[in-house]
C-alpha atoms as a PDB file:
ATOM      1  CA  MET A   1     -27.116 -36.130  85.000  1.00  0.00           C
ATOM      2  CA  LYS A   2     -24.650 -34.036  82.976  1.00  0.00           C
ATOM      3  CA  ASP A   3     -23.653 -37.052  80.883  1.00  0.00           C
ATOM      4  CA  LYS A   4     -27.290 -37.906  80.100  1.00  0.00           C
ATOM      5  CA  LEU A   5     -28.004 -34.314  79.154  1.00  0.00           C
ATOM      6  CA  LYS A   6     -24.841 -34.184  77.025  1.00  0.00           C
ATOM      7  CA  ASN A   7     -25.756 -37.453  75.260  1.00  0.00           C
ATOM      8  CA  ALA A   8     -29.313 -36.243  74.619  1.00  0.00           C
ATOM      9  CA  PHE A   9     -28.005 -32.982  73.195  1.00  0.00           C
ATOM     10  CA  GLN A  10     -25.588 -34.860  70.916  1.00  0.00           C
ATOM     11  CA  GLY A  11     -28.421 -37.130  69.748  1.00  0.00           C
ATOM     12  CA  VAL A  12     -30.684 -34.183  68.964  1.00  0.00           C
ATOM     13  CA  LEU A  13     -27.810 -32.378  67.246  1.00  0.00           C
ATOM     14  CA  GLY A  14     -27.014 -35.502  65.198  1.00  0.00           C
ATOM     15  CA  CYS A  15     -30.659 -35.838  64.108  1.00  0.00           C
ATOM     16  CA  ALA A  16     -30.774 -32.153  63.199  1.00  0.00           C
ATOM     17  CA  VAL A  17     -27.635 -32.523  61.069  1.00  0.00           C
ATOM     18  CA  MET A  18     -29.096 -35.563  59.312  1.00  0.00           C
ATOM     19  CA  VAL A  19     -32.343 -33.732  58.573  1.00  0.00           C
ATOM     20  CA  GLY A  20     -30.348 -30.732  57.337  1.00  0.00           C
ATOM     21  CA  VAL A  21     -28.284 -32.909  55.001  1.00  0.00           C
ATOM     22  CA  LEU A  22     -31.461 -34.563  53.701  1.00  0.00           C
ATOM     23  CA  ILE A  23     -33.089 -31.183  53.038  1.00  0.00           C
ATOM     24  CA  LEU A  24     -29.922 -29.976  51.312  1.00  0.00           C
ATOM     25  CA  ALA A  25     -29.870 -33.108  49.139  1.00  0.00           C
ATOM     26  CA  ILE A  26     -33.512 -32.539  48.155  1.00  0.00           C
ATOM     27  CA  PHE A  27     -32.791 -28.919  47.222  1.00  0.00           C
ATOM     28  CA  LEU A  28     -29.710 -29.970  45.242  1.00  0.00           C
ATOM     29  CA  LEU A  29     -31.674 -32.660  43.433  1.00  0.00           C
ATOM     30  CA  ARG A  30     -34.440 -30.242  42.541  1.00  0.00           C
ATOM     31  CA  GLY A  31     -31.716 -27.789  41.546  1.00  0.00           C
ATOM     32  CA  VAL A  32     -30.172 -30.298  39.138  1.00  0.00           C
ATOM     33  CA  VAL A  33     -33.519 -30.765  37.407  1.00  0.00           C
ATOM     34  CA  TRP A  34     -34.191 -27.015  37.372  1.00  0.00           C
ATOM     35  CA  ALA A  35     -30.698 -26.189  36.060  1.00  0.00           C
ATOM     36  CA  SER A  36     -30.927 -28.884  33.390  1.00  0.00           C
ATOM     37  CA  ASP A  37     -34.309 -27.574  32.308  1.00  0.00           C
ATOM     38  CA  LYS A  38     -33.085 -23.983  32.075  1.00  0.00           C
ATOM     39  CA  ALA A  39     -29.698 -24.776  30.513  1.00  0.00           C
ATOM     40  CA  LEU A  40     -30.741 -27.396  27.961  1.00  0.00           C
ATOM     41  CA  PRO A  41     -32.035 -24.967  25.291  1.00  0.00           C
ATOM     42  CA  TRP A  42     -28.770 -23.012  25.502  1.00  0.00           C
ATOM     43  CA  LEU A  43     -26.700 -26.179  25.513  1.00  0.00           C
ATOM     44  CA  ASN A  44     -28.565 -27.464  22.445  1.00  0.00           C
ATOM     45  CA  LEU A  45     -27.923 -24.196  20.615  1.00  0.00           C
ATOM     46  CA  ALA A  46     -24.249 -24.211  21.584  1.00  0.00           C
ATOM     47  CA  SER A  47     -23.941 -27.872  20.542  1.00  0.00           C
ATOM     48  CA  GLU A  48     -25.463 -27.135  17.141  1.00  0.00           C
ATOM     49  CA  ILE A  49     -23.044 -24.249  16.575  1.00  0.00           C
ATOM     50  CA  VAL A  50     -20.056 -26.324  17.713  1.00  0.00           C
ATOM     51  CA  LEU A  51     -21.169 -29.258  15.543  1.00  0.00           C
ATOM     52  CA  ALA A  52     -21.296 -26.927  12.541  1.00  0.00           C
ATOM     53  CA  ILE A  53     -17.799 -25.680  13.388  1.00  0.00           C
ATOM     54  CA  CYS A  54     -16.591 -29.268  13.722  1.00  0.00           C
ATOM     55  CA  ILE A  55     -17.963 -30.197  10.318  1.00  0.00           C
ATOM     56  CA  LEU A  56     -17.165 -27.026   8.379  1.00  0.00           C
ATOM     57  CA  VAL A  57     -13.858 -26.001   9.983  1.00  0.00           C
ATOM     58  CA  LEU A  58     -12.254 -28.844  11.931  1.00  0.00           C
ATOM     59  CA  LEU A  59     -12.877 -31.677   9.466  1.00  0.00           C
ATOM     60  CA  PRO A  60     -11.117 -29.855   6.607  1.00  0.00           C
ATOM     61  CA  MET A  61      -8.259 -29.086   8.994  1.00  0.00           C
ATOM     62  CA  CYS A  62      -7.735 -32.839   9.390  1.00  0.00           C
ATOM     63  CA  ILE A  63      -6.462 -33.005   5.803  1.00  0.00           C
ATOM     64  CA  PHE A  64      -3.294 -31.027   6.477  1.00  0.00           C
ATOM     65  CA  ARG A  65      -0.686 -32.532   8.717  1.00  0.00           C
ATOM     66  CA  THR A  66       0.291 -29.256  10.357  1.00  0.00           C
ATOM     67  CA  THR A  67      -3.264 -28.369  11.373  1.00  0.00           C
ATOM     68  CA  ARG A  68      -4.233 -31.808  12.690  1.00  0.00           C
ATOM     69  CA  PRO A  69      -3.252 -30.998  16.291  1.00  0.00           C
ATOM     70  CA  TRP A  70      -5.544 -27.960  16.212  1.00  0.00           C
ATOM     71  CA  ALA A  71      -8.374 -30.020  14.777  1.00  0.00           C
ATOM     72  CA  GLY A  72      -7.767 -32.744  17.358  1.00  0.00           C
ATOM     73  CA  THR A  73      -7.865 -30.222  20.182  1.00  0.00           C
ATOM     74  CA  GLY A  74     -11.057 -28.729  18.791  1.00  0.00           C
ATOM     75  CA  PHE A  75     -12.776 -32.096  18.509  1.00  0.00           C
ATOM     76  CA  TYR A  76     -11.596 -33.126  21.957  1.00  0.00           C
ATOM     77  CA  LEU A  77     -12.829 -29.925  23.599  1.00  0.00           C
ATOM     78  CA  SER A  78     -16.130 -29.999  21.724  1.00  0.00           C
ATOM     79  CA  SER A  79     -16.810 -33.465  23.124  1.00  0.00           C
ATOM     80  CA  TYR A  80     -17.119 -31.913  26.583  1.00  0.00           C
ATOM     81  CA  LEU A  81     -19.921 -29.626  25.419  1.00  0.00           C
ATOM     82  CA  PHE A  82     -21.639 -32.534  23.696  1.00  0.00           C
ATOM     83  CA  GLY A  83     -21.262 -34.601  26.894  1.00  0.00           C
ATOM     84  CA  LEU A  84     -22.689 -31.849  29.097  1.00  0.00           C
ATOM     85  CA  THR A  85     -25.656 -31.512  26.758  1.00  0.00           C
ATOM     86  CA  LEU A  86     -26.150 -35.283  26.860  1.00  0.00           C
ATOM     87  CA  TRP A  87     -25.999 -35.311  30.664  1.00  0.00           C
ATOM     88  CA  ALA A  88     -28.542 -32.490  31.053  1.00  0.00           C
ATOM     89  CA  PHE A  89     -30.855 -34.159  28.527  1.00  0.00           C
ATOM     90  CA  SER A  90     -30.487 -37.510  30.320  1.00  0.00           C
ATOM     91  CA  CYS A  91     -31.339 -35.906  33.665  1.00  0.00           C
ATOM     92  CA  LEU A  92     -34.547 -34.479  32.264  1.00  0.00           C
ATOM     93  CA  VAL A  93     -35.520 -37.706  30.481  1.00  0.00           C
ATOM     94  CA  CYS A  94     -34.848 -39.739  33.607  1.00  0.00           C
ATOM     95  CA  TYR A  95     -36.826 -37.353  35.819  1.00  0.00           C
ATOM     96  CA  GLN A  96     -39.773 -36.959  33.443  1.00  0.00           C
ATOM     97  CA  ILE A  97     -40.218 -40.679  32.816  1.00  0.00           C
ATOM     98  CA  TRP A  98     -39.420 -42.288  36.171  1.00  0.00           C
ATOM     99  CA  GLY A  99     -39.162 -39.381  38.603  1.00  0.00           C
ATOM    100  CA  TYR A 100     -36.765 -38.508  41.374  1.00  0.00           C
ATOM    101  CA  ARG A 101     -36.081 -42.086  42.504  1.00  0.00           C
ATOM    102  CA  ALA A 102     -34.524 -43.009  39.184  1.00  0.00           C
ATOM    103  CA  LEU A 103     -32.630 -39.728  39.058  1.00  0.00           C
ATOM    104  CA  ILE A 104     -31.247 -40.337  42.545  1.00  0.00           C
ATOM    105  CA  PHE A 105     -30.215 -43.842  41.500  1.00  0.00           C
ATOM    106  CA  GLY A 106     -28.453 -42.474  38.419  1.00  0.00           C
ATOM    107  CA  LEU A 107     -26.680 -39.770  40.407  1.00  0.00           C
ATOM    108  CA  ILE A 108     -25.560 -42.280  43.029  1.00  0.00           C
ATOM    109  CA  LEU A 109     -23.768 -44.130  40.237  1.00  0.00           C
ATOM    110  CA  GLY A 110     -21.323 -41.250  40.008  1.00  0.00           C
ATOM    111  CA  GLY A 111     -23.519 -38.980  37.948  1.00  0.00           C
ATOM    112  CA  VAL A 112     -22.819 -40.889  34.746  1.00  0.00           C
ATOM    113  CA  GLY A 113     -25.468 -43.433  35.701  1.00  0.00           C
ATOM    114  CA  VAL A 114     -28.127 -40.936  34.675  1.00  0.00           C
ATOM    115  CA  LEU A 115     -27.553 -41.808  31.013  1.00  0.00           C
ATOM    116  CA  PRO A 116     -28.126 -45.578  31.353  1.00  0.00           C
ATOM    117  CA  VAL A 117     -31.147 -44.981  33.578  1.00  0.00           C
ATOM    118  CA  ALA A 118     -32.610 -42.539  31.039  1.00  0.00           C
ATOM    119  CA  PHE A 119     -31.894 -45.000  28.235  1.00  0.00           C
ATOM    120  CA  ILE A 120     -33.538 -47.908  30.083  1.00  0.00           C
ATOM    121  CA  ALA A 121     -36.522 -45.733  31.045  1.00  0.00           C
ATOM    122  CA  SER A 122     -36.957 -44.697  27.414  1.00  0.00           C
ATOM    123  CA  VAL A 123     -36.766 -48.294  26.177  1.00  0.00           C
ATOM    124  CA  PHE A 124     -39.154 -49.682  28.802  1.00  0.00           C
ATOM    125  CA  THR A 125     -41.748 -46.990  28.139  1.00  0.00           C
ATOM    126  CA  GLY A 126     -41.413 -47.177  24.350  1.00  0.00           C
ATOM    127  CA  HIS A 127     -40.159 -43.632  23.769  1.00  0.00           C
ATOM    128  CA  TRP A 128     -38.119 -44.611  20.717  1.00  0.00           C
ATOM    129  CA  SER A 129     -37.389 -41.056  19.620  1.00  0.00           C
ATOM    130  CA  LEU A 130     -35.717 -40.450  22.991  1.00  0.00           C
ATOM    131  CA  VAL A 131     -33.720 -43.666  22.585  1.00  0.00           C
ATOM    132  CA  ARG A 132     -32.578 -42.446  19.158  1.00  0.00           C
ATOM    133  CA  ASP A 133     -31.661 -38.997  20.497  1.00  0.00           C
ATOM    134  CA  LEU A 134     -29.710 -40.455  23.416  1.00  0.00           C
ATOM    135  CA  LEU A 135     -27.804 -42.843  21.137  1.00  0.00           C
ATOM    136  CA  LEU A 136     -26.981 -40.082  18.645  1.00  0.00           C
ATOM    137  CA  GLN A 137     -25.708 -37.829  21.412  1.00  0.00           C
ATOM    138  CA  VAL A 138     -23.586 -40.655  22.843  1.00  0.00           C
ATOM    139  CA  LEU A 139     -22.096 -41.291  19.401  1.00  0.00           C
ATOM    140  CA  LEU A 140     -21.462 -37.579  18.918  1.00  0.00           C
ATOM    141  CA  THR A 141     -19.814 -37.199  22.328  1.00  0.00           C
ATOM    142  CA  PHE A 142     -17.551 -40.229  22.156  1.00  0.00           C
ATOM    143  CA  GLY A 143     -16.970 -39.904  18.420  1.00  0.00           C
ATOM    144  CA  ALA A 144     -15.646 -36.367  18.828  1.00  0.00           C
ATOM    145  CA  ARG A 145     -13.545 -37.426  21.824  1.00  0.00           C
ATOM    146  CA  SER A 146     -12.101 -40.438  20.002  1.00  0.00           C
ATOM    147  CA  LEU A 147     -11.386 -38.489  16.818  1.00  0.00           C
ATOM    148  CA  GLY A 148      -9.716 -35.717  18.817  1.00  0.00           C
ATOM    149  CA  THR A 149      -7.575 -38.190  20.730  1.00  0.00           C
ATOM    150  CA  TRP A 150      -6.616 -40.032  17.549  1.00  0.00           C
ATOM    151  CA  LEU A 151      -5.684 -36.808  15.741  1.00  0.00           C
ATOM    152  CA  LEU A 152      -3.607 -35.635  18.679  1.00  0.00           C
ATOM    153  CA  SER A 153      -1.791 -38.969  18.832  1.00  0.00           C
ATOM    154  CA  ARG A 154      -0.960 -38.696  15.107  1.00  0.00           C
ATOM    155  CA  ALA A 155       0.321 -35.130  15.421  1.00  0.00           C
ATOM    156  CA  PRO A 156       3.850 -34.442  14.215  1.00  0.00           C
ATOM    157  CA  HIS A 157       6.482 -34.573  16.924  1.00  0.00           C
ATOM    158  CA  GLN A 158       8.382 -31.449  17.844  1.00  0.00           C
ATOM    159  CA  GLU A 159      12.073 -31.736  18.533  1.00  0.00           C
ATOM    160  CA  GLU A 160      14.175 -28.755  19.439  1.00  0.00           C
ATOM    161  CA  GLY A 161      11.665 -26.336  17.925  1.00  0.00           C
ATOM    162  CA  ASN A 162      11.587 -28.081  14.508  1.00  0.00           C
ATOM    163  CA  VAL A 163       8.497 -29.807  13.289  1.00  0.00           C
ATOM    164  CA  ASP A 164       9.148 -33.299  11.940  1.00  0.00           C
ATOM    165  CA  TYR A 165       7.130 -33.919   8.790  1.00  0.00           C
END
């Protein structure tokens, strides 16, 4: 009798844990959409400011050999802000067009799957302005990352405290 009672208790406890995890996942999913919705205007503003800094400050720094590492670091770090903005925008596009199922599918793909799902949803529903915006943000994110990496790889080498020109 004790074993049956113990097994029943473990079964009920296991079901309760599964329901709790499911409820937590639902709250987290709704939280991702809510956080993306609240953060996206601020991320867009920050991305516009950082893009202006990239164009007006970092691009001219690429001309001089000694400032290229600083420009490369700036471009590389700015790509993370551009990527976060792209991810939040993709979450909202995915949710608004196809709902939570598509968002769950994109998040299951390691989080980065939200972008392809949002892109496919935009193409299939004919939202061409969203397709354009997603593509521009992808180009901005990976362009800044690639330029930063390239500039850092071309930086002058330091040996014993002397900069090799």
